[in-house]
Amino acid sequence: MSKRGRGGSSGAKFRISLGLPMGAVINCAENTGAKNLYIISVKGIKGRLNRLPAAGMGDMVMATVKKGKPELRKKVHPVVVIRQQK
């Protein structure tokens, strides 16, 4: 079992590569008005010295809106990652 806990959620999560490190800019897939999201932290990561926290599909991250509606920008939002390339 990995050290990244499941946080009490039910069901099995397969091991996938964590392709979105902290600082990644991702596209927003919903119609709230946000276009680009900037990942600032990943929930549930304990960490290791000099290793960037990274997220994969199904992980919750905290992100800010870089391009989108002005009322969404300059705030921190909880985001769930639903897509990644690898």
N, C-alpha and C. Protein backbone atom coordinates (compact mmCIF):
# COMPACT_ATOMS: atom_id res chain seq x y z
N MET A 1 0.84 -1.18 0.00
CA MET A 1 0.00 0.00 0.00
C MET A 1 0.88 1.23 0.00
N SER A 2 0.47 2.22 -0.72
CA SER A 2 1.27 3.43 -0.80
C SER A 2 1.10 4.27 0.47
N LYS A 3 2.02 5.21 0.63
CA LYS A 3 1.96 6.08 1.80
C LYS A 3 0.94 7.20 1.63
N ARG A 4 0.44 7.39 0.41
CA ARG A 4 -0.56 8.41 0.17
C ARG A 4 -1.91 7.82 0.56
N GLY A 5 -2.45 8.22 1.70
CA GLY A 5 -3.69 7.65 2.19
C GLY A 5 -4.87 8.00 1.31
N ARG A 6 -5.92 7.21 1.42
CA ARG A 6 -7.11 7.43 0.61
C ARG A 6 -8.07 8.42 1.27
N GLY A 7 -7.81 8.80 2.51
CA GLY A 7 -8.63 9.82 3.13
C GLY A 7 -10.02 9.36 3.51
N GLY A 8 -10.22 8.08 3.74
CA GLY A 8 -11.50 7.57 4.18
C GLY A 8 -12.49 7.31 3.07
N SER A 9 -12.12 7.51 1.81
CA SER A 9 -13.06 7.26 0.73
C SER A 9 -13.10 5.77 0.41
N SER A 10 -14.24 5.31 -0.08
CA SER A 10 -14.39 3.90 -0.36
C SER A 10 -13.97 3.61 -1.79
N GLY A 11 -13.69 2.35 -2.07
CA GLY A 11 -13.32 1.94 -3.41
C GLY A 11 -11.82 1.94 -3.60
N ALA A 12 -11.37 1.19 -4.59
CA ALA A 12 -9.95 1.07 -4.87
C ALA A 12 -9.53 2.12 -5.89
N LYS A 13 -8.36 2.68 -5.67
CA LYS A 13 -7.79 3.62 -6.64
C LYS A 13 -6.53 2.99 -7.20
N PHE A 14 -6.46 2.90 -8.52
CA PHE A 14 -5.30 2.30 -9.14
C PHE A 14 -4.12 3.25 -9.08
N ARG A 15 -2.93 2.67 -9.12
CA ARG A 15 -1.70 3.46 -9.09
C ARG A 15 -1.48 4.06 -10.47
N ILE A 16 -1.52 5.39 -10.54
CA ILE A 16 -1.23 6.09 -11.79
C ILE A 16 -0.09 7.05 -11.54
N SER A 17 0.59 7.43 -12.59
CA SER A 17 1.69 8.37 -12.44
C SER A 17 1.13 9.74 -12.07
N LEU A 18 1.86 10.42 -11.22
CA LEU A 18 1.44 11.74 -10.75
C LEU A 18 2.02 12.78 -11.70
N GLY A 19 1.23 13.18 -12.68
CA GLY A 19 1.74 14.00 -13.77
C GLY A 19 1.58 15.49 -13.59
N LEU A 20 1.01 15.95 -12.48
CA LEU A 20 0.78 17.38 -12.30
C LEU A 20 1.47 17.87 -11.03
N PRO A 21 2.71 18.34 -11.14
CA PRO A 21 3.40 18.83 -9.95
C PRO A 21 2.87 20.20 -9.53
N MET A 22 3.28 20.62 -8.35
CA MET A 22 2.92 21.93 -7.85
C MET A 22 3.50 22.98 -8.79
N GLY A 23 2.69 23.94 -9.19
CA GLY A 23 3.13 24.96 -10.13
C GLY A 23 2.65 24.71 -11.55
N ALA A 24 1.97 23.60 -11.78
CA ALA A 24 1.46 23.30 -13.12
C ALA A 24 0.25 24.17 -13.42
N VAL A 25 0.11 24.55 -14.67
CA VAL A 25 -1.06 25.30 -15.13
C VAL A 25 -1.92 24.34 -15.95
N ILE A 26 -3.18 24.18 -15.54
CA ILE A 26 -4.07 23.21 -16.19
C ILE A 26 -5.31 23.93 -16.71
N ASN A 27 -5.99 23.28 -17.64
CA ASN A 27 -7.24 23.82 -18.18
C ASN A 27 -8.39 23.43 -17.27
N CYS A 28 -9.35 24.34 -17.12
CA CYS A 28 -10.53 24.06 -16.31
C CYS A 28 -11.59 23.42 -17.21
N ALA A 29 -12.17 22.31 -16.74
CA ALA A 29 -13.09 21.53 -17.58
C ALA A 29 -14.56 21.84 -17.30
N GLU A 30 -14.84 22.80 -16.44
CA GLU A 30 -16.25 23.12 -16.16
C GLU A 30 -16.57 24.53 -16.63
N ASN A 31 -17.84 24.87 -16.57
CA ASN A 31 -18.29 26.14 -17.16
C ASN A 31 -18.51 27.23 -16.11
N THR A 32 -17.62 27.29 -15.11
CA THR A 32 -17.76 28.33 -14.09
C THR A 32 -17.22 29.67 -14.54
N GLY A 33 -16.44 29.69 -15.61
CA GLY A 33 -15.84 30.92 -16.07
C GLY A 33 -14.33 30.93 -15.91
N ALA A 34 -13.78 29.93 -15.25
CA ALA A 34 -12.33 29.82 -15.12
C ALA A 34 -11.77 29.11 -16.34
N LYS A 35 -10.65 29.59 -16.85
CA LYS A 35 -10.02 28.97 -18.02
C LYS A 35 -8.76 28.20 -17.62
N ASN A 36 -7.82 28.89 -16.98
CA ASN A 36 -6.56 28.27 -16.57
C ASN A 36 -6.47 28.26 -15.06
N LEU A 37 -6.02 27.12 -14.51
CA LEU A 37 -5.84 26.97 -13.07
C LEU A 37 -4.38 26.70 -12.77
N TYR A 38 -3.87 27.31 -11.70
CA TYR A 38 -2.48 27.17 -11.28
C TYR A 38 -2.46 26.39 -9.97
N ILE A 39 -1.85 25.21 -9.97
CA ILE A 39 -1.83 24.36 -8.78
C ILE A 39 -0.84 24.93 -7.77
N ILE A 40 -1.32 25.20 -6.55
CA ILE A 40 -0.44 25.73 -5.52
C ILE A 40 -0.15 24.72 -4.42
N SER A 41 -1.00 23.71 -4.24
CA SER A 41 -0.72 22.65 -3.26
C SER A 41 -1.57 21.44 -3.58
N VAL A 42 -1.16 20.30 -3.02
CA VAL A 42 -1.86 19.04 -3.22
C VAL A 42 -2.28 18.52 -1.86
N LYS A 43 -3.55 18.19 -1.71
CA LYS A 43 -4.06 17.68 -0.43
C LYS A 43 -3.59 16.25 -0.21
N GLY A 44 -3.23 15.93 1.02
CA GLY A 44 -2.90 14.56 1.38
C GLY A 44 -1.49 14.13 1.07
N ILE A 45 -0.60 15.06 0.74
CA ILE A 45 0.79 14.73 0.44
C ILE A 45 1.64 15.05 1.67
N LYS A 46 2.34 14.05 2.16
CA LYS A 46 3.23 14.29 3.30
C LYS A 46 4.53 14.93 2.84
N GLY A 47 5.14 14.39 1.79
CA GLY A 47 6.30 15.04 1.21
C GLY A 47 7.62 14.37 1.55
N ARG A 48 8.62 14.78 0.80
CA ARG A 48 9.99 14.31 0.94
C ARG A 48 10.87 15.49 0.59
N LEU A 49 12.05 15.58 1.19
CA LEU A 49 12.94 16.71 0.97
C LEU A 49 13.24 16.89 -0.52
N ASN A 50 13.06 18.10 -1.00
CA ASN A 50 13.33 18.51 -2.39
C ASN A 50 12.43 17.86 -3.42
N ARG A 51 11.36 17.20 -3.03
CA ARG A 51 10.43 16.62 -4.00
C ARG A 51 9.18 17.49 -4.07
N LEU A 52 8.79 17.86 -5.28
CA LEU A 52 7.59 18.67 -5.44
C LEU A 52 6.35 17.81 -5.22
N PRO A 53 5.38 18.29 -4.47
CA PRO A 53 4.11 17.56 -4.37
C PRO A 53 3.45 17.50 -5.75
N ALA A 54 2.93 16.33 -6.11
CA ALA A 54 2.33 16.17 -7.43
C ALA A 54 0.96 15.52 -7.28
N ALA A 55 0.10 15.75 -8.26
CA ALA A 55 -1.26 15.22 -8.24
C ALA A 55 -1.51 14.38 -9.47
N GLY A 56 -2.49 13.49 -9.35
CA GLY A 56 -2.95 12.69 -10.47
C GLY A 56 -4.47 12.77 -10.54
N MET A 57 -5.06 11.90 -11.33
CA MET A 57 -6.51 11.91 -11.47
C MET A 57 -7.18 11.54 -10.15
N GLY A 58 -8.22 12.29 -9.80
CA GLY A 58 -8.96 12.02 -8.58
C GLY A 58 -8.40 12.71 -7.36
N ASP A 59 -7.27 13.39 -7.47
CA ASP A 59 -6.68 14.07 -6.32
C ASP A 59 -7.27 15.46 -6.17
N MET A 60 -7.37 15.89 -4.92
CA MET A 60 -7.83 17.25 -4.66
C MET A 60 -6.61 18.16 -4.50
N VAL A 61 -6.65 19.27 -5.20
CA VAL A 61 -5.57 20.25 -5.13
C VAL A 61 -6.18 21.61 -4.81
N MET A 62 -5.34 22.50 -4.35
CA MET A 62 -5.74 23.89 -4.17
C MET A 62 -5.13 24.68 -5.32
N ALA A 63 -5.96 25.49 -5.97
CA ALA A 63 -5.51 26.18 -7.18
C ALA A 63 -6.07 27.59 -7.22
N THR A 64 -5.39 28.43 -7.98
CA THR A 64 -5.87 29.77 -8.25
C THR A 64 -6.19 29.89 -9.73
N VAL A 65 -7.06 30.82 -10.06
CA VAL A 65 -7.47 31.03 -11.45
C VAL A 65 -6.52 32.06 -12.07
N LYS A 66 -5.84 31.66 -13.14
CA LYS A 66 -4.92 32.56 -13.83
C LYS A 66 -5.61 33.31 -14.97
N LYS A 67 -6.58 32.66 -15.61
CA LYS A 67 -7.32 33.31 -16.69
C LYS A 67 -8.78 32.94 -16.53
N GLY A 68 -9.64 33.93 -16.47
CA GLY A 68 -11.06 33.67 -16.30
C GLY A 68 -11.80 34.89 -15.78
N LYS A 69 -12.96 34.65 -15.20
CA LYS A 69 -13.77 35.75 -14.67
C LYS A 69 -13.04 36.47 -13.55
N PRO A 70 -13.17 37.79 -13.50
CA PRO A 70 -12.46 38.55 -12.47
C PRO A 70 -12.88 38.19 -11.05
N GLU A 71 -14.13 37.77 -10.85
CA GLU A 71 -14.55 37.42 -9.48
C GLU A 71 -13.99 36.08 -9.01
N LEU A 72 -13.47 35.27 -9.93
CA LEU A 72 -12.84 34.01 -9.55
C LEU A 72 -11.34 34.14 -9.35
N ARG A 73 -10.73 35.17 -9.93
CA ARG A 73 -9.29 35.33 -9.84
C ARG A 73 -8.87 35.85 -8.47
N LYS A 74 -7.59 35.64 -8.14
CA LYS A 74 -6.97 36.12 -6.89
C LYS A 74 -7.61 35.49 -5.66
N LYS A 75 -8.14 34.27 -5.80
CA LYS A 75 -8.67 33.50 -4.67
C LYS A 75 -8.17 32.08 -4.80
N VAL A 76 -8.15 31.36 -3.68
CA VAL A 76 -7.73 29.96 -3.68
C VAL A 76 -8.98 29.08 -3.69
N HIS A 77 -9.03 28.13 -4.61
CA HIS A 77 -10.19 27.25 -4.77
C HIS A 77 -9.77 25.79 -4.63
N PRO A 78 -10.62 24.96 -4.01
CA PRO A 78 -10.36 23.51 -4.05
C PRO A 78 -10.77 22.95 -5.41
N VAL A 79 -9.94 22.10 -5.98
CA VAL A 79 -10.14 21.58 -7.33
C VAL A 79 -9.88 20.08 -7.32
N VAL A 80 -10.68 19.31 -8.06
CA VAL A 80 -10.43 17.88 -8.24
C VAL A 80 -9.93 17.67 -9.66
N VAL A 81 -8.82 16.96 -9.79
CA VAL A 81 -8.21 16.70 -11.10
C VAL A 81 -8.98 15.56 -11.76
N ILE A 82 -9.43 15.79 -13.00
CA ILE A 82 -10.18 14.74 -13.70
C ILE A 82 -9.47 14.25 -14.95
N ARG A 83 -8.46 14.97 -15.44
CA ARG A 83 -7.74 14.56 -16.64
C ARG A 83 -6.27 14.86 -16.49
N GLN A 84 -5.44 14.01 -17.12
CA GLN A 84 -4.03 14.31 -17.26
C GLN A 84 -3.50 13.55 -18.47
N GLN A 85 -2.36 13.98 -18.98
CA GLN A 85 -1.83 13.37 -20.20
C GLN A 85 -1.24 11.99 -19.96
N LYS A 86 -0.37 11.86 -18.93
CA LYS A 86 0.27 10.56 -18.68
C LYS A 86 -0.01 10.10 -17.28
